[in-house]
Protein backbone atom coordinates (compact mmCIF):
# COMPACT_ATOMS: atom_id res chain seq x y z
CA UNK A 1 11.15 -29.05 -0.67
CA UNK A 2 9.05 -32.16 -0.44
CA UNK A 3 9.56 -32.70 3.22
CA UNK A 4 9.68 -29.00 3.93
CA UNK A 5 6.04 -28.61 2.41
CA UNK A 6 4.71 -31.87 3.59
CA UNK A 7 1.89 -29.40 5.62
CA UNK A 8 1.15 -27.65 2.62
CA UNK A 9 -0.63 -31.32 1.33
CA UNK A 10 -3.23 -30.98 4.26
CA UNK A 11 -3.76 -26.98 3.19
CA UNK A 12 -4.64 -27.76 -0.33
CA UNK A 13 -6.62 -30.66 0.12
CA UNK A 14 -10.13 -29.42 0.06
CA UNK A 15 -9.00 -27.20 -3.42
CA UNK A 16 -8.32 -30.71 -4.84
CA UNK A 17 -12.19 -31.74 -5.07
CA UNK A 18 -12.52 -29.09 -8.02
CA UNK A 19 -9.16 -28.27 -9.09
CA UNK A 20 -10.58 -27.29 -12.56
CA UNK A 21 -8.69 -24.14 -14.21
CA UNK A 22 -11.78 -22.78 -15.49
CA UNK A 23 -13.27 -22.26 -11.98
CA UNK A 24 -10.22 -19.22 -11.72
CA UNK A 25 -11.74 -17.23 -14.14
CA UNK A 26 -15.32 -16.55 -12.69
CA UNK A 27 -14.03 -16.85 -9.23
CA UNK A 28 -11.56 -14.33 -10.01
CA UNK A 29 -14.00 -11.93 -11.44
CA UNK A 30 -16.02 -12.33 -8.48
CA UNK A 31 -13.21 -11.09 -6.21
CA UNK A 32 -12.34 -8.04 -8.31
CA UNK A 33 -15.95 -7.30 -8.55
CA UNK A 34 -16.73 -7.73 -4.65
CA UNK A 35 -13.50 -5.32 -4.14
CA UNK A 36 -14.19 -2.57 -6.33
CA UNK A 37 -18.45 -2.12 -6.70
CA UNK A 38 -18.42 -0.90 -2.96
CA UNK A 39 -15.72 1.76 -4.11
CA UNK A 40 -17.44 2.33 -7.15
CA UNK A 41 -20.60 2.34 -5.00
CA UNK A 42 -18.98 5.36 -2.57
CA UNK A 43 -17.72 7.38 -5.22
CA UNK A 44 -21.27 7.20 -6.70
CA UNK A 45 -23.08 8.15 -3.58
CA UNK A 46 -20.38 11.40 -2.91
CA UNK A 47 -21.01 12.50 -6.16
CA UNK A 48 -24.95 12.50 -6.10
CA UNK A 49 -24.25 14.29 -2.41
CA UNK A 50 -21.87 16.69 -3.07
CA UNK A 51 -21.22 16.72 -6.93
CA UNK A 52 -18.00 14.90 -8.94
CA UNK A 53 -15.39 17.01 -8.39
CA UNK A 54 -15.85 16.90 -4.69
CA UNK A 55 -16.39 13.11 -4.73
CA UNK A 56 -13.31 12.82 -7.25
CA UNK A 57 -11.04 14.84 -4.54
CA UNK A 58 -12.62 12.81 -1.85
CA UNK A 59 -11.69 9.68 -3.73
CA UNK A 60 -7.91 10.83 -4.76
CA UNK A 61 -7.53 11.48 -0.58
CA UNK A 62 -8.96 8.16 0.30
CA UNK A 63 -6.15 6.57 -1.83
CA UNK A 64 -3.29 8.52 -1.30
CA UNK A 65 -4.13 7.97 2.56
CA UNK A 66 -2.96 11.80 3.75
CA UNK A 67 -5.10 11.96 6.61
CA UNK A 68 -6.34 9.54 9.45
CA UNK A 69 -9.85 9.37 7.88
CA UNK A 70 -9.18 8.93 4.29
CA UNK A 71 -6.56 6.34 5.79
CA UNK A 72 -8.74 4.30 7.68
CA UNK A 73 -11.48 4.49 4.91
CA UNK A 74 -9.09 2.85 2.46
CA UNK A 75 -7.87 0.04 4.95
CA UNK A 76 -11.62 -1.02 5.41
CA UNK A 77 -12.56 -0.66 1.98
CA UNK A 78 -10.52 -3.98 1.58
CA UNK A 79 -13.42 -5.77 3.57
CA UNK A 80 -15.02 -6.32 0.05
CA UNK A 81 -11.75 -8.11 -1.35
CA UNK A 82 -11.62 -10.28 1.82
CA UNK A 83 -15.28 -11.01 1.27
CA UNK A 84 -14.60 -11.90 -2.15
CA UNK A 85 -12.70 -15.19 -2.21
CA UNK A 86 -14.92 -16.31 0.81
CA UNK A 87 -17.65 -16.12 -1.56
CA UNK A 88 -15.71 -17.64 -4.67
CA UNK A 89 -14.88 -20.90 -2.79
CA UNK A 90 -18.25 -21.23 -1.53
CA UNK A 91 -19.94 -20.86 -5.06
CA UNK A 92 -17.46 -22.30 -7.54
CA UNK A 93 -15.47 -25.01 -5.53
CA UNK A 94 -18.33 -25.84 -3.09
CA UNK A 95 -16.01 -25.57 0.12
CA UNK A 96 -16.14 -23.58 3.15
CA UNK A 97 -14.56 -20.03 3.40
CA UNK A 98 -12.65 -21.88 6.43
CA UNK A 99 -10.52 -23.78 4.39
CA UNK A 100 -8.82 -20.72 3.22
CA UNK A 101 -7.18 -20.36 6.48
CA UNK A 102 -6.40 -24.08 6.88
CA UNK A 103 -7.54 -27.18 8.13
CA UNK A 104 -6.93 -25.76 11.96
CA UNK A 105 -7.98 -22.36 12.79
CA UNK A 106 -6.20 -22.74 16.54
CA UNK A 107 -2.69 -23.37 14.37
CA UNK A 108 -3.47 -20.96 12.17
CA UNK A 109 -4.25 -18.32 15.07
CA UNK A 110 -0.84 -19.65 16.96
CA UNK A 111 1.37 -19.47 13.43
CA UNK A 112 -0.20 -15.59 13.58
CA UNK A 113 0.86 -14.87 17.04
CA UNK A 114 4.42 -16.47 16.55
CA UNK A 115 5.24 -14.23 13.73
CA UNK A 116 3.67 -11.21 14.49
CA UNK A 117 5.19 -10.47 17.85
CA UNK A 118 8.83 -11.08 16.98
CA UNK A 119 8.65 -9.39 13.70
CA UNK A 120 7.29 -6.12 15.33
CA UNK A 121 9.74 -6.23 17.74
CA UNK A 122 12.99 -6.71 15.30
CA UNK A 123 10.91 -4.16 12.85
CA UNK A 124 10.98 -1.66 16.29
CA UNK A 125 14.80 -2.33 17.03
CA UNK A 126 15.71 -1.70 13.15
CA UNK A 127 14.23 1.51 13.14
CA UNK A 128 17.34 3.48 14.28
CA UNK A 129 19.20 1.84 11.12
CA UNK A 130 16.55 2.52 8.49
CA UNK A 131 16.06 6.02 9.06
CA UNK A 132 19.57 6.47 9.61
CA UNK A 133 20.35 9.72 7.19
CA UNK A 134 16.51 10.50 6.75
CA UNK A 135 14.62 13.55 7.53
CA UNK A 136 12.04 12.38 9.92
CA UNK A 137 9.18 14.51 11.25
CA UNK A 138 6.54 13.96 13.72
CA UNK A 139 3.01 12.50 12.33
CA UNK A 140 0.46 11.63 14.69
CA UNK A 141 0.18 13.27 17.96
CA UNK A 142 0.17 10.33 20.59
CA UNK A 143 -3.03 10.90 21.96
CA UNK A 144 -4.67 10.91 18.85
CA UNK A 145 -2.75 8.16 17.33
CA UNK A 146 -4.05 6.21 20.61
CA UNK A 147 -7.71 7.36 19.69
CA UNK A 148 -7.53 6.09 16.31
CA UNK A 149 -5.77 2.86 17.06
CA UNK A 150 -8.76 0.66 18.06
CA UNK A 151 -10.06 1.57 14.03
CA UNK A 152 -6.85 1.39 12.66
CA UNK A 153 -5.37 -2.14 13.82
CA UNK A 154 -8.71 -3.99 12.67
CA UNK A 155 -8.46 -1.91 9.55
CA UNK A 156 -4.64 -3.34 8.70
CA UNK A 157 -5.90 -6.86 9.68
CA UNK A 158 -8.73 -6.61 7.17
CA UNK A 159 -6.33 -5.25 4.52
CA UNK A 160 -3.25 -7.66 4.81
CA UNK A 161 -6.19 -10.76 5.71
CA UNK A 162 -7.74 -9.47 2.40
CA UNK A 163 -4.50 -9.63 0.20
CA UNK A 164 -3.59 -13.24 1.80
CA UNK A 165 -6.87 -14.66 1.32
CA UNK A 166 -6.28 -14.07 -2.19
CA UNK A 167 -2.83 -14.75 -3.00
CA UNK A 168 -1.40 -17.04 -0.39
CA UNK A 169 -5.27 -18.42 0.57
CA UNK A 170 -7.28 -18.84 -2.97
CA UNK A 171 -4.81 -18.65 -5.67
CA UNK A 172 -2.03 -20.84 -4.01
CA UNK A 173 -4.30 -23.43 -2.91
CA UNK A 174 -5.97 -23.68 -6.31
CA UNK A 175 -3.09 -23.56 -8.47
CA UNK A 176 -1.29 -26.14 -5.90
CA UNK A 177 -4.54 -28.43 -6.35
CA UNK A 178 -3.77 -28.37 -10.18
CA UNK A 179 0.03 -28.29 -10.35
CA UNK A 180 2.86 -30.03 -8.49
CA UNK A 181 5.52 -27.33 -8.75
CA UNK A 182 6.16 -24.58 -6.50
CA UNK A 183 7.10 -22.77 -9.24
CA UNK A 184 3.84 -22.20 -10.56
CA UNK A 185 1.49 -22.39 -7.02
CA UNK A 186 4.17 -19.80 -5.40
CA UNK A 187 5.71 -18.08 -8.42
CA UNK A 188 2.37 -17.03 -10.44
CA UNK A 189 0.61 -15.70 -7.34
CA UNK A 190 3.69 -13.68 -6.14
CA UNK A 191 3.81 -11.99 -9.87
CA UNK A 192 0.42 -10.94 -9.77
CA UNK A 193 1.12 -9.53 -6.07
CA UNK A 194 4.09 -7.79 -7.71
CA UNK A 195 1.84 -6.22 -10.32
CA UNK A 196 -0.54 -5.36 -8.24
CA UNK A 197 2.07 -3.10 -6.28
CA UNK A 198 3.89 -1.68 -9.73
CA UNK A 199 2.80 2.04 -9.77
CA UNK A 200 5.15 4.08 -11.97
CA UNK A 201 3.19 7.13 -11.12
CA UNK A 202 3.91 7.26 -7.32
CA UNK A 203 7.49 5.92 -7.72
CA UNK A 204 8.86 6.87 -10.95
CA UNK A 205 12.17 5.03 -11.88
CA UNK A 206 11.66 2.92 -8.96
CA UNK A 207 8.06 1.24 -9.52
CA UNK A 208 10.18 -1.75 -10.83
CA UNK A 209 12.18 -1.99 -7.27
CA UNK A 210 9.01 -1.99 -5.15
CA UNK A 211 7.58 -4.41 -7.65
CA UNK A 212 10.46 -6.70 -7.21
CA UNK A 213 10.41 -6.09 -3.39
CA UNK A 214 6.57 -6.88 -3.58
CA UNK A 215 7.61 -10.39 -5.49
CA UNK A 216 10.16 -11.27 -3.16
CA UNK A 217 7.60 -10.44 -0.36
CA UNK A 218 5.08 -12.71 -1.82
CA UNK A 219 7.69 -15.81 -2.54
CA UNK A 220 8.69 -15.45 1.35
CA UNK A 221 4.81 -15.25 2.41
CA UNK A 222 3.83 -18.24 0.38
CA UNK A 223 7.04 -20.27 1.49
CA UNK A 224 5.74 -19.46 5.16
CA UNK A 225 2.05 -21.06 4.24
CA UNK A 226 3.50 -24.08 2.65
CA UNK A 227 5.80 -24.95 5.42
CA UNK A 228 3.04 -24.69 8.61
CA UNK A 229 0.04 -25.50 5.96
CA UNK A 230 -1.99 -22.57 7.68
CA UNK A 231 -2.76 -18.52 6.42
CA UNK A 232 -1.23 -17.65 9.91
CA UNK A 233 2.32 -17.52 9.63
CA UNK A 234 1.75 -15.32 6.04
CA UNK A 235 -0.57 -12.99 8.08
CA UNK A 236 1.51 -12.39 10.89
CA UNK A 237 4.49 -11.68 8.32
CA UNK A 238 2.06 -9.22 6.55
CA UNK A 239 0.41 -7.28 9.30
CA UNK A 240 3.70 -6.92 11.22
CA UNK A 241 5.20 -5.07 8.18
CA UNK A 242 2.24 -3.32 7.39
CA UNK A 243 1.63 -1.84 10.89
CA UNK A 244 5.31 -0.41 10.91
CA UNK A 245 5.05 0.95 7.75
CA UNK A 246 1.70 2.67 8.37
CA UNK A 247 1.27 3.19 11.88
CA UNK A 248 4.93 3.47 13.12
CA UNK A 249 6.62 5.42 10.30
CA UNK A 250 5.37 6.24 6.95
CA UNK A 251 6.38 7.30 3.76
CA UNK A 252 5.16 11.40 3.63
CA UNK A 253 2.37 11.72 1.32
CA UNK A 254 1.62 8.35 0.75
CA UNK A 255 -0.19 6.04 2.91
CA UNK A 256 0.97 8.18 5.86
CA UNK A 257 -2.19 9.63 7.56
CA UNK A 258 -2.23 7.33 10.63
CA UNK A 259 1.61 7.04 11.28
CA UNK A 260 3.33 8.36 14.40
CA UNK A 261 6.29 9.39 12.37
CA UNK A 262 7.18 10.61 8.51
CA UNK A 263 9.85 10.00 6.58
CA UNK A 264 10.64 13.10 4.25
CA UNK A 265 12.03 12.03 0.69
CA UNK A 266 10.83 11.69 -3.08
CA UNK A 267 10.25 8.05 -3.50
CA UNK A 268 10.86 8.80 -7.04
CA UNK A 269 14.08 9.89 -6.64
CA UNK A 270 16.50 7.03 -7.44
CA UNK A 271 19.31 8.15 -5.19
CA UNK A 272 17.31 8.86 -2.14
CA UNK A 273 14.65 6.22 -2.41
CA UNK A 274 17.07 3.33 -3.52
CA UNK A 275 19.03 2.59 -0.43
CA UNK A 276 15.98 2.64 1.50
CA UNK A 277 14.60 0.05 -0.46
CA UNK A 278 17.54 -2.29 -0.30
CA UNK A 279 17.82 -1.96 3.51
CA UNK A 280 14.21 -3.34 3.23
CA UNK A 281 15.00 -6.21 1.02
CA UNK A 282 17.37 -6.35 3.97
CA UNK A 283 14.92 -6.42 6.63
CA UNK A 284 12.40 -8.26 4.86
CA UNK A 285 14.50 -11.39 4.74
CA UNK A 286 15.83 -11.17 8.28
CA UNK A 287 12.24 -10.98 9.27
CA UNK A 288 11.55 -14.26 7.27
CA UNK A 289 14.22 -16.04 9.04
CA UNK A 290 12.82 -14.58 12.34
CA UNK A 291 9.82 -16.08 11.71
CA UNK A 292 11.01 -19.77 10.29
CA UNK A 293 12.80 -19.64 14.05
CA UNK A 294 9.90 -18.98 15.93
CA UNK A 295 7.65 -21.22 14.02
CA UNK A 296 10.64 -23.73 14.19
CA UNK A 297 9.85 -24.69 10.34
């Protein structure tokens, strides 16, 4: 474990200068505020312009991601979450935002490309197996899809980048600066990541399985970060997953506004959803192995 994670020491080094745990509290509050305040501001502006019922309906549509516009707005709303940890490390830890990515931006970009491209290829190859026995319908037309792509791809990078900056960047670094055990600096961010994906109103009795999937995803992304010493590999891992799930084949009625195709089934139905989720678990682990082979770590 020590040899495998040797590169992690350089990644964590900037966080060791001010590792006090109390700094996590105001920093976390700033990160949450940076994400929520713009959304609340948008909701207030919509309410003033169009009335509260219309504003509530528009925000619900954005959060559901059922239309291209709503989905783009949702993805780009993560810009505040991305800026939050950048500001937090400057204000509360007196270090540059670039330290969240790793000691070498060039290495981070290289790791990102080495992971993103082969995993995307894997996701496409596995699509026939993943869709076996499911009802699939066309989503966006191809020309419309191409038209939205210049905004959709940066939006996915913003959304996935924001989550990686918070969980595998800020939290993993600061906890590793204070605690030696990976059970803490990998485990705690992964549990928090899973908690953010626990949505019983959307997934009903399957919500715990979706949260477990997110926890395992967090563990694997954190492992790639620790092995490489940059955030690039985790970001490539995350972005490839979300490009596949949000732009290629989406779940009908759930963040499918930009998808080329949609899968029709009830995500709260255990009989329908659990086989698909179990297949997702398997493909996620295979993707992690592909990433490690590509990175040679």
